[in-house]
Amino acid sequence: MRWNLRLAAANRGIWKASELQRMLAEHGLKISAGKMSGLWSGEPASIKLDDLNVICAVLGCGVDELLIPEPDKVRRVDDGQDQQVTAAS
C-alpha cells in the first residue's frame, strides 16, 4: 500500500501539515507534531482505524484515496522460494 495523505490534502487546498493537524484537532483527533510529520511526509507503519476515519471525514474522502494498493509489490511463497507476484498471475 502507498500512503497518499499529502496529495489528498493538497487536492483540497491544504498545503501544510500544521493546517491539517489543527483541522484534525477540531474534530477530536489530537496528533503530536512528530506523528503528524510521519503521517504527512512518510509512510506510517500503522494507523488506527478511528484515526483514519477522522482523517477521511476532515478531508471528505474515502480510504481508497489515502491508501493506494500496489499489488505488484506483493510477494508470495511458493515451494519455499519467494516469488514476485506479477499482474498477469
PDB file of N, CA and C in Angstrom:
ATOM      1  N   MET A   1       0.842  -1.184   0.000  1.00  0.00           N
ATOM      2  CA  MET A   1       0.000   0.000   0.000  1.00  0.00           C
ATOM      3  C   MET A   1       0.884   1.243   0.000  1.00  0.00           C
ATOM      4  N   ARG A   2       0.413   2.238  -0.696  1.00  0.00           N
ATOM      5  CA  ARG A   2       1.091   3.531  -0.705  1.00  0.00           C
ATOM      6  C   ARG A   2       0.210   4.525   0.040  1.00  0.00           C
ATOM      7  N   TRP A   3       0.809   5.285   0.944  1.00  0.00           N
ATOM      8  CA  TRP A   3       0.123   6.286   1.748  1.00  0.00           C
ATOM      9  C   TRP A   3       0.070   7.575   0.957  1.00  0.00           C
ATOM     10  N   ASN A   4      -1.095   8.166   0.817  1.00  0.00           N
ATOM     11  CA  ASN A   4      -1.323   9.275  -0.098  1.00  0.00           C
ATOM     12  C   ASN A   4      -1.924  10.509   0.590  1.00  0.00           C
ATOM     13  N   LEU A   5      -1.638  10.704   1.873  1.00  0.00           N
ATOM     14  CA  LEU A   5      -2.257  11.788   2.634  1.00  0.00           C
ATOM     15  C   LEU A   5      -1.915  13.159   2.069  1.00  0.00           C
ATOM     16  N   ARG A   6      -0.657  13.381   1.765  1.00  0.00           N
ATOM     17  CA  ARG A   6      -0.233  14.714   1.331  1.00  0.00           C
ATOM     18  C   ARG A   6      -0.941  15.143   0.048  1.00  0.00           C
ATOM     19  N   LEU A   7      -1.048  14.245  -0.912  1.00  0.00           N
ATOM     20  CA  LEU A   7      -1.725  14.578  -2.168  1.00  0.00           C
ATOM     21  C   LEU A   7      -3.218  14.771  -1.948  1.00  0.00           C
ATOM     22  N   ALA A   8      -3.825  13.920  -1.126  1.00  0.00           N
ATOM     23  CA  ALA A   8      -5.259  14.059  -0.834  1.00  0.00           C
ATOM     24  C   ALA A   8      -5.531  15.421  -0.183  1.00  0.00           C
ATOM     25  N   ALA A   9      -4.656  15.841   0.723  1.00  0.00           N
ATOM     26  CA  ALA A   9      -4.819  17.145   1.364  1.00  0.00           C
ATOM     27  C   ALA A   9      -4.607  18.277   0.362  1.00  0.00           C
ATOM     28  N   ALA A  10      -3.582  18.163  -0.466  1.00  0.00           N
ATOM     29  CA  ALA A  10      -3.285  19.206  -1.462  1.00  0.00           C
ATOM     30  C   ALA A  10      -4.445  19.376  -2.440  1.00  0.00           C
ATOM     31  N   ASN A  11      -5.105  18.281  -2.780  1.00  0.00           N
ATOM     32  CA  ASN A  11      -6.259  18.354  -3.684  1.00  0.00           C
ATOM     33  C   ASN A  11      -7.399  19.158  -3.081  1.00  0.00           C
ATOM     34  N   ARG A  12      -7.329  19.393  -1.768  1.00  0.00           N
ATOM     35  CA  ARG A  12      -8.365  20.164  -1.072  1.00  0.00           C
ATOM     36  C   ARG A  12      -7.835  21.508  -0.577  1.00  0.00           C
ATOM     37  N   GLY A  13      -6.667  21.899  -1.099  1.00  0.00           N
ATOM     38  CA  GLY A  13      -6.103  23.199  -0.747  1.00  0.00           C
ATOM     39  C   GLY A  13      -5.417  23.255   0.601  1.00  0.00           C
ATOM     40  N   ILE A  14      -5.082  22.110   1.152  1.00  0.00           N
ATOM     41  CA  ILE A  14      -4.361  22.056   2.431  1.00  0.00           C
ATOM     42  C   ILE A  14      -2.902  21.771   2.103  1.00  0.00           C
ATOM     43  N   TRP A  15      -2.048  22.761   2.347  1.00  0.00           N
ATOM     44  CA  TRP A  15      -0.656  22.670   1.914  1.00  0.00           C
ATOM     45  C   TRP A  15       0.321  22.443   3.048  1.00  0.00           C
ATOM     46  N   LYS A  16      -0.119  22.604   4.290  1.00  0.00           N
ATOM     47  CA  LYS A  16       0.784  22.471   5.429  1.00  0.00           C
ATOM     48  C   LYS A  16       0.261  21.422   6.403  1.00  0.00           C
ATOM     49  N   ALA A  17       1.197  20.634   6.936  1.00  0.00           N
ATOM     50  CA  ALA A  17       0.833  19.620   7.919  1.00  0.00           C
ATOM     51  C   ALA A  17       0.182  20.261   9.144  1.00  0.00           C
ATOM     52  N   SER A  18       0.680  21.422   9.533  1.00  0.00           N
ATOM     53  CA  SER A  18       0.136  22.090  10.720  1.00  0.00           C
ATOM     54  C   SER A  18      -1.328  22.492  10.516  1.00  0.00           C
ATOM     55  N   GLU A  19      -1.680  22.840   9.287  1.00  0.00           N
ATOM     56  CA  GLU A  19      -3.071  23.199   8.998  1.00  0.00           C
ATOM     57  C   GLU A  19      -3.982  21.977   9.147  1.00  0.00           C
ATOM     58  N   LEU A  20      -3.549  20.845   8.596  1.00  0.00           N
ATOM     59  CA  LEU A  20      -4.338  19.618   8.732  1.00  0.00           C
ATOM     60  C   LEU A  20      -4.367  19.168  10.187  1.00  0.00           C
ATOM     61  N   GLN A  21      -3.259  19.309  10.886  1.00  0.00           N
ATOM     62  CA  GLN A  21      -3.205  18.947  12.298  1.00  0.00           C
ATOM     63  C   GLN A  21      -4.247  19.731  13.098  1.00  0.00           C
ATOM     64  N   ARG A  22      -4.366  21.036  12.825  1.00  0.00           N
ATOM     65  CA  ARG A  22      -5.357  21.877  13.500  1.00  0.00           C
ATOM     66  C   ARG A  22      -6.772  21.412  13.165  1.00  0.00           C
ATOM     67  N   MET A  23      -7.017  21.102  11.902  1.00  0.00           N
ATOM     68  CA  MET A  23      -8.348  20.644  11.478  1.00  0.00           C
ATOM     69  C   MET A  23      -8.718  19.321  12.144  1.00  0.00           C
ATOM     70  N   LEU A  24      -7.748  18.425  12.247  1.00  0.00           N
ATOM     71  CA  LEU A  24      -7.998  17.140  12.897  1.00  0.00           C
ATOM     72  C   LEU A  24      -8.314  17.345  14.379  1.00  0.00           C
ATOM     73  N   ALA A  25      -7.574  18.256  15.031  1.00  0.00           N
ATOM     74  CA  ALA A  25      -7.812  18.543  16.447  1.00  0.00           C
ATOM     75  C   ALA A  25      -9.217  19.092  16.664  1.00  0.00           C
ATOM     76  N   GLU A  26      -9.704  19.887  15.717  1.00  0.00           N
ATOM     77  CA  GLU A  26     -11.063  20.420  15.812  1.00  0.00           C
ATOM     78  C   GLU A  26     -12.118  19.314  15.775  1.00  0.00           C
ATOM     79  N   HIS A  27     -11.722  18.161  15.252  1.00  0.00           N
ATOM     80  CA  HIS A  27     -12.634  17.019  15.176  1.00  0.00           C
ATOM     81  C   HIS A  27     -12.285  15.945  16.209  1.00  0.00           C
ATOM     82  N   GLY A  28     -11.484  16.336  17.215  1.00  0.00           N
ATOM     83  CA  GLY A  28     -11.199  15.435  18.319  1.00  0.00           C
ATOM     84  C   GLY A  28      -9.977  14.559  18.173  1.00  0.00           C
ATOM     85  N   LEU A  29      -9.226  14.698  17.083  1.00  0.00           N
ATOM     86  CA  LEU A  29      -8.028  13.880  16.881  1.00  0.00           C
ATOM     87  C   LEU A  29      -6.799  14.753  17.102  1.00  0.00           C
ATOM     88  N   LYS A  30      -6.218  14.630  18.294  1.00  0.00           N
ATOM     89  CA  LYS A  30      -5.028  15.402  18.629  1.00  0.00           C
ATOM     90  C   LYS A  30      -3.808  14.550  18.303  1.00  0.00           C
ATOM     91  N   ILE A  31      -2.980  15.052  17.394  1.00  0.00           N
ATOM     92  CA  ILE A  31      -1.800  14.331  16.929  1.00  0.00           C
ATOM     93  C   ILE A  31      -0.567  15.157  17.276  1.00  0.00           C
ATOM     94  N   SER A  32       0.448  14.502  17.833  1.00  0.00           N
ATOM     95  CA  SER A  32       1.690  15.198  18.161  1.00  0.00           C
ATOM     96  C   SER A  32       2.379  15.655  16.869  1.00  0.00           C
ATOM     97  N   ALA A  33       3.252  16.630  17.007  1.00  0.00           N
ATOM     98  CA  ALA A  33       3.973  17.152  15.839  1.00  0.00           C
ATOM     99  C   ALA A  33       4.796  16.048  15.175  1.00  0.00           C
ATOM    100  N   GLY A  34       5.414  15.194  15.980  1.00  0.00           N
ATOM    101  CA  GLY A  34       6.216  14.101  15.430  1.00  0.00           C
ATOM    102  C   GLY A  34       5.386  13.104  14.643  1.00  0.00           C
ATOM    103  N   LYS A  35       4.259  12.714  15.196  1.00  0.00           N
ATOM    104  CA  LYS A  35       3.381  11.768  14.496  1.00  0.00           C
ATOM    105  C   LYS A  35       2.795  12.410  13.246  1.00  0.00           C
ATOM    106  N   MET A  36       2.443  13.700  13.328  1.00  0.00           N
ATOM    107  CA  MET A  36       1.892  14.393  12.169  1.00  0.00           C
ATOM    108  C   MET A  36       2.922  14.464  11.054  1.00  0.00           C
ATOM    109  N   SER A  37       4.163  14.696  11.416  1.00  0.00           N
ATOM    110  CA  SER A  37       5.232  14.736  10.422  1.00  0.00           C
ATOM    111  C   SER A  37       5.343  13.393   9.705  1.00  0.00           C
ATOM    112  N   GLY A  38       5.253  12.302  10.463  1.00  0.00           N
ATOM    113  CA  GLY A  38       5.299  10.973   9.863  1.00  0.00           C
ATOM    114  C   GLY A  38       4.125  10.696   8.947  1.00  0.00           C
ATOM    115  N   LEU A  39       2.941  11.129   9.348  1.00  0.00           N
ATOM    116  CA  LEU A  39       1.757  10.939   8.508  1.00  0.00           C
ATOM    117  C   LEU A  39       1.845  11.785   7.243  1.00  0.00           C
ATOM    118  N   TRP A  40       2.379  12.995   7.387  1.00  0.00           N
ATOM    119  CA  TRP A  40       2.418  13.938   6.278  1.00  0.00           C
ATOM    120  C   TRP A  40       3.476  13.569   5.238  1.00  0.00           C
ATOM    121  N   SER A  41       4.654  13.208   5.700  1.00  0.00           N
ATOM    122  CA  SER A  41       5.764  13.043   4.758  1.00  0.00           C
ATOM    123  C   SER A  41       6.247  11.616   4.591  1.00  0.00           C
ATOM    124  N   GLY A  42       5.721  10.713   5.370  1.00  0.00           N
ATOM    125  CA  GLY A  42       6.220   9.355   5.294  1.00  0.00           C
ATOM    126  C   GLY A  42       5.152   8.346   4.984  1.00  0.00           C
ATOM    127  N   GLU A  43       5.472   7.121   5.294  1.00  0.00           N
ATOM    128  CA  GLU A  43       4.518   6.035   5.167  1.00  0.00           C
ATOM    129  C   GLU A  43       4.380   5.413   6.545  1.00  0.00           C
ATOM    130  N   PRO A  44       3.295   5.687   7.228  1.00  0.00           N
ATOM    131  CA  PRO A  44       3.153   5.162   8.589  1.00  0.00           C
ATOM    132  C   PRO A  44       3.115   3.642   8.591  1.00  0.00           C
ATOM    133  N   ALA A  45       3.773   3.059   9.564  1.00  0.00           N
ATOM    134  CA  ALA A  45       3.761   1.594   9.696  1.00  0.00           C
ATOM    135  C   ALA A  45       2.384   1.103  10.078  1.00  0.00           C
ATOM    136  N   SER A  46       1.656   1.943  10.820  1.00  0.00           N
ATOM    137  CA  SER A  46       0.293   1.588  11.225  1.00  0.00           C
ATOM    138  C   SER A  46      -0.491   2.866  11.477  1.00  0.00           C
ATOM    139  N   ILE A  47      -1.803   2.708  11.432  1.00  0.00           N
ATOM    140  CA  ILE A  47      -2.695   3.821  11.758  1.00  0.00           C
ATOM    141  C   ILE A  47      -3.971   3.223  12.329  1.00  0.00           C
ATOM    142  N   LYS A  48      -4.459   3.834  13.376  1.00  0.00           N
ATOM    143  CA  LYS A  48      -5.697   3.349  13.999  1.00  0.00           C
ATOM    144  C   LYS A  48      -6.867   3.623  13.062  1.00  0.00           C
ATOM    145  N   LEU A  49      -7.786   2.689  13.015  1.00  0.00           N
ATOM    146  CA  LEU A  49      -8.963   2.855  12.164  1.00  0.00           C
ATOM    147  C   LEU A  49      -9.773   4.076  12.566  1.00  0.00           C
ATOM    148  N   ASP A  50      -9.876   4.348  13.864  1.00  0.00           N
ATOM    149  CA  ASP A  50     -10.601   5.539  14.314  1.00  0.00           C
ATOM    150  C   ASP A  50      -9.929   6.811  13.804  1.00  0.00           C
ATOM    151  N   ASP A  51      -8.585   6.838  13.823  1.00  0.00           N
ATOM    152  CA  ASP A  51      -7.850   7.998  13.307  1.00  0.00           C
ATOM    153  C   ASP A  51      -8.066   8.146  11.809  1.00  0.00           C
ATOM    154  N   LEU A  52      -8.041   7.030  11.106  1.00  0.00           N
ATOM    155  CA  LEU A  52      -8.268   7.046   9.658  1.00  0.00           C
ATOM    156  C   LEU A  52      -9.663   7.570   9.346  1.00  0.00           C
ATOM    157  N   ASN A  53     -10.616   7.197  10.152  1.00  0.00           N
ATOM    158  CA  ASN A  53     -11.990   7.660   9.985  1.00  0.00           C
ATOM    159  C   ASN A  53     -12.079   9.182  10.118  1.00  0.00           C
ATOM    160  N   VAL A  54     -11.380   9.742  11.111  1.00  0.00           N
ATOM    161  CA  VAL A  54     -11.393  11.194  11.304  1.00  0.00           C
ATOM    162  C   VAL A  54     -10.692  11.885  10.134  1.00  0.00           C
ATOM    163  N   ILE A  55      -9.577  11.353   9.701  1.00  0.00           N
ATOM    164  CA  ILE A  55      -8.848  11.947   8.570  1.00  0.00           C
ATOM    165  C   ILE A  55      -9.742  11.974   7.331  1.00  0.00           C
ATOM    166  N   CYS A  56     -10.429  10.872   7.068  1.00  0.00           N
ATOM    167  CA  CYS A  56     -11.337  10.813   5.917  1.00  0.00           C
ATOM    168  C   CYS A  56     -12.475  11.820   6.053  1.00  0.00           C
ATOM    169  N   ALA A  57     -13.017  11.960   7.261  1.00  0.00           N
ATOM    170  CA  ALA A  57     -14.116  12.899   7.485  1.00  0.00           C
ATOM    171  C   ALA A  57     -13.646  14.334   7.273  1.00  0.00           C
ATOM    172  N   VAL A  58     -12.479  14.675   7.789  1.00  0.00           N
ATOM    173  CA  VAL A  58     -11.953  16.034   7.654  1.00  0.00           C
ATOM    174  C   VAL A  58     -11.650  16.365   6.198  1.00  0.00           C
ATOM    175  N   LEU A  59     -11.067  15.411   5.486  1.00  0.00           N
ATOM    176  CA  LEU A  59     -10.720  15.649   4.080  1.00  0.00           C
ATOM    177  C   LEU A  59     -11.902  15.441   3.137  1.00  0.00           C
ATOM    178  N   GLY A  60     -12.939  14.793   3.631  1.00  0.00           N
ATOM    179  CA  GLY A  60     -14.070  14.497   2.761  1.00  0.00           C
ATOM    180  C   GLY A  60     -13.704  13.508   1.673  1.00  0.00           C
ATOM    181  N   CYS A  61     -12.952  12.479   2.068  1.00  0.00           N
ATOM    182  CA  CYS A  61     -12.514  11.486   1.086  1.00  0.00           C
ATOM    183  C   CYS A  61     -12.767  10.089   1.632  1.00  0.00           C
ATOM    184  N   GLY A  62     -12.555   9.121   0.794  1.00  0.00           N
ATOM    185  CA  GLY A  62     -12.647   7.730   1.206  1.00  0.00           C
ATOM    186  C   GLY A  62     -11.266   7.160   1.460  1.00  0.00           C
ATOM    187  N   VAL A  63     -11.230   6.015   2.093  1.00  0.00           N
ATOM    188  CA  VAL A  63      -9.974   5.335   2.380  1.00  0.00           C
ATOM    189  C   VAL A  63      -9.212   5.052   1.084  1.00  0.00           C
ATOM    190  N   ASP A  64      -9.943   4.812   0.009  1.00  0.00           N
ATOM    191  CA  ASP A  64      -9.309   4.486  -1.269  1.00  0.00           C
ATOM    192  C   ASP A  64      -8.464   5.633  -1.822  1.00  0.00           C
ATOM    193  N   GLU A  65      -8.678   6.842  -1.349  1.00  0.00           N
ATOM    194  CA  GLU A  65      -7.850   7.962  -1.786  1.00  0.00           C
ATOM    195  C   GLU A  65      -6.591   8.085  -0.927  1.00  0.00           C
ATOM    196  N   LEU A  66      -6.642   7.586   0.290  1.00  0.00           N
ATOM    197  CA  LEU A  66      -5.493   7.664   1.187  1.00  0.00           C
ATOM    198  C   LEU A  66      -4.587   6.453   1.081  1.00  0.00           C
ATOM    199  N   LEU A  67      -5.149   5.294   0.812  1.00  0.00           N
ATOM    200  CA  LEU A  67      -4.387   4.053   0.711  1.00  0.00           C
ATOM    201  C   LEU A  67      -4.493   3.520  -0.717  1.00  0.00           C
ATOM    202  N   ILE A  68      -3.396   3.574  -1.434  1.00  0.00           N
ATOM    203  CA  ILE A  68      -3.380   3.149  -2.827  1.00  0.00           C
ATOM    204  C   ILE A  68      -2.762   1.755  -2.908  1.00  0.00           C
ATOM    205  N   PRO A  69      -3.527   0.761  -3.355  1.00  0.00           N
ATOM    206  CA  PRO A  69      -2.983  -0.598  -3.463  1.00  0.00           C
ATOM    207  C   PRO A  69      -1.830  -0.667  -4.467  1.00  0.00           C
ATOM    208  N   GLU A  70      -0.849  -1.483  -4.141  1.00  0.00           N
ATOM    209  CA  GLU A  70       0.275  -1.739  -5.033  1.00  0.00           C
ATOM    210  C   GLU A  70       0.466  -3.249  -5.144  1.00  0.00           C
ATOM    211  N   PRO A  71      -0.433  -3.921  -5.846  1.00  0.00           N
ATOM    212  CA  PRO A  71      -0.390  -5.389  -5.894  1.00  0.00           C
ATOM    213  C   PRO A  71       0.892  -5.943  -6.508  1.00  0.00           C
ATOM    214  N   ASP A  72       1.564  -5.162  -7.344  1.00  0.00           N
ATOM    215  CA  ASP A  72       2.803  -5.646  -7.951  1.00  0.00           C
ATOM    216  C   ASP A  72       3.933  -5.779  -6.939  1.00  0.00           C
ATOM    217  N   LYS A  73       3.773  -5.222  -5.741  1.00  0.00           N
ATOM    218  CA  LYS A  73       4.791  -5.327  -4.704  1.00  0.00           C
ATOM    219  C   LYS A  73       4.528  -6.485  -3.739  1.00  0.00           C
ATOM    220  N   VAL A  74       3.438  -7.196  -3.933  1.00  0.00           N
ATOM    221  CA  VAL A  74       3.096  -8.312  -3.053  1.00  0.00           C
ATOM    222  C   VAL A  74       3.922  -9.527  -3.444  1.00  0.00           C
ATOM    223  N   ARG A  75       4.496 -10.161  -2.438  1.00  0.00           N
ATOM    224  CA  ARG A  75       5.300 -11.356  -2.684  1.00  0.00           C
ATOM    225  C   ARG A  75       4.526 -12.570  -2.174  1.00  0.00           C
ATOM    226  N   ARG A  76       4.785 -13.686  -2.782  1.00  0.00           N
ATOM    227  CA  ARG A  76       4.176 -14.917  -2.283  1.00  0.00           C
ATOM    228  C   ARG A  76       5.251 -15.971  -2.135  1.00  0.00           C
ATOM    229  N   VAL A  77       5.001 -16.927  -1.274  1.00  0.00           N
ATOM    230  CA  VAL A  77       5.926 -18.018  -1.052  1.00  0.00           C
ATOM    231  C   VAL A  77       5.370 -19.224  -1.788  1.00  0.00           C
ATOM    232  N   ASP A  78       6.181 -19.788  -2.668  1.00  0.00           N
ATOM    233  CA  ASP A  78       5.776 -20.948  -3.456  1.00  0.00           C
ATOM    234  C   ASP A  78       6.908 -21.966  -3.417  1.00  0.00           C
ATOM    235  N   ASP A  79       6.646 -23.149  -2.871  1.00  0.00           N
ATOM    236  CA  ASP A  79       7.638 -24.211  -2.749  1.00  0.00           C
ATOM    237  C   ASP A  79       8.902 -23.743  -2.034  1.00  0.00           C
ATOM    238  N   GLY A  80       8.730 -22.897  -1.027  1.00  0.00           N
ATOM    239  CA  GLY A  80       9.865 -22.468  -0.232  1.00  0.00           C
ATOM    240  C   GLY A  80      10.678 -21.343  -0.830  1.00  0.00           C
ATOM    241  N   GLN A  81      10.311 -20.835  -2.007  1.00  0.00           N
ATOM    242  CA  GLN A  81      11.043 -19.736  -2.633  1.00  0.00           C
ATOM    243  C   GLN A  81      10.125 -18.533  -2.780  1.00  0.00           C
ATOM    244  N   ASP A  82      10.654 -17.370  -2.430  1.00  0.00           N
ATOM    245  CA  ASP A  82       9.876 -16.141  -2.616  1.00  0.00           C
ATOM    246  C   ASP A  82       9.799 -15.828  -4.100  1.00  0.00           C
ATOM    247  N   GLN A  83       8.622 -15.433  -4.547  1.00  0.00           N
ATOM    248  CA  GLN A  83       8.431 -15.041  -5.943  1.00  0.00           C
ATOM    249  C   GLN A  83       7.651 -13.755  -5.976  1.00  0.00           C
ATOM    250  N   GLN A  84       8.009 -12.894  -6.917  1.00  0.00           N
ATOM    251  CA  GLN A  84       7.256 -11.650  -7.112  1.00  0.00           C
ATOM    252  C   GLN A  84       5.960 -11.998  -7.829  1.00  0.00           C
ATOM    253  N   VAL A  85       4.843 -11.502  -7.315  1.00  0.00           N
ATOM    254  CA  VAL A  85       3.553 -11.711  -7.952  1.00  0.00           C
ATOM    255  C   VAL A  85       3.439 -10.702  -9.090  1.00  0.00           C
ATOM    256  N   THR A  86       3.142 -11.180 -10.267  1.00  0.00           N
ATOM    257  CA  THR A  86       3.006 -10.272 -11.408  1.00  0.00           C
ATOM    258  C   THR A  86       1.549  -9.949 -11.634  1.00  0.00           C
ATOM    259  N   ALA A  87       1.313  -8.914 -12.394  1.00  0.00           N
ATOM    260  CA  ALA A  87      -0.053  -8.506 -12.685  1.00  0.00           C
ATOM    261  C   ALA A  87      -0.796  -9.592 -13.454  1.00  0.00           C
ATOM    262  N   ALA A  88      -0.088 -10.418 -14.201  1.00  0.00           N
ATOM    263  CA  ALA A  88      -0.723 -11.451 -15.011  1.00  0.00           C
ATOM    264  C   ALA A  88      -1.149 -12.657 -14.171  1.00  0.00           C
ATOM    265  N   SER A  89      -0.555 -12.834 -12.995  1.00  0.00           N
ATOM    266  CA  SER A  89      -0.905 -14.039 -12.231  1.00  0.00           C
ATOM    267  C   SER A  89      -2.049 -13.847 -11.302  1.00  0.00           C
TER     268      SER A  89
END
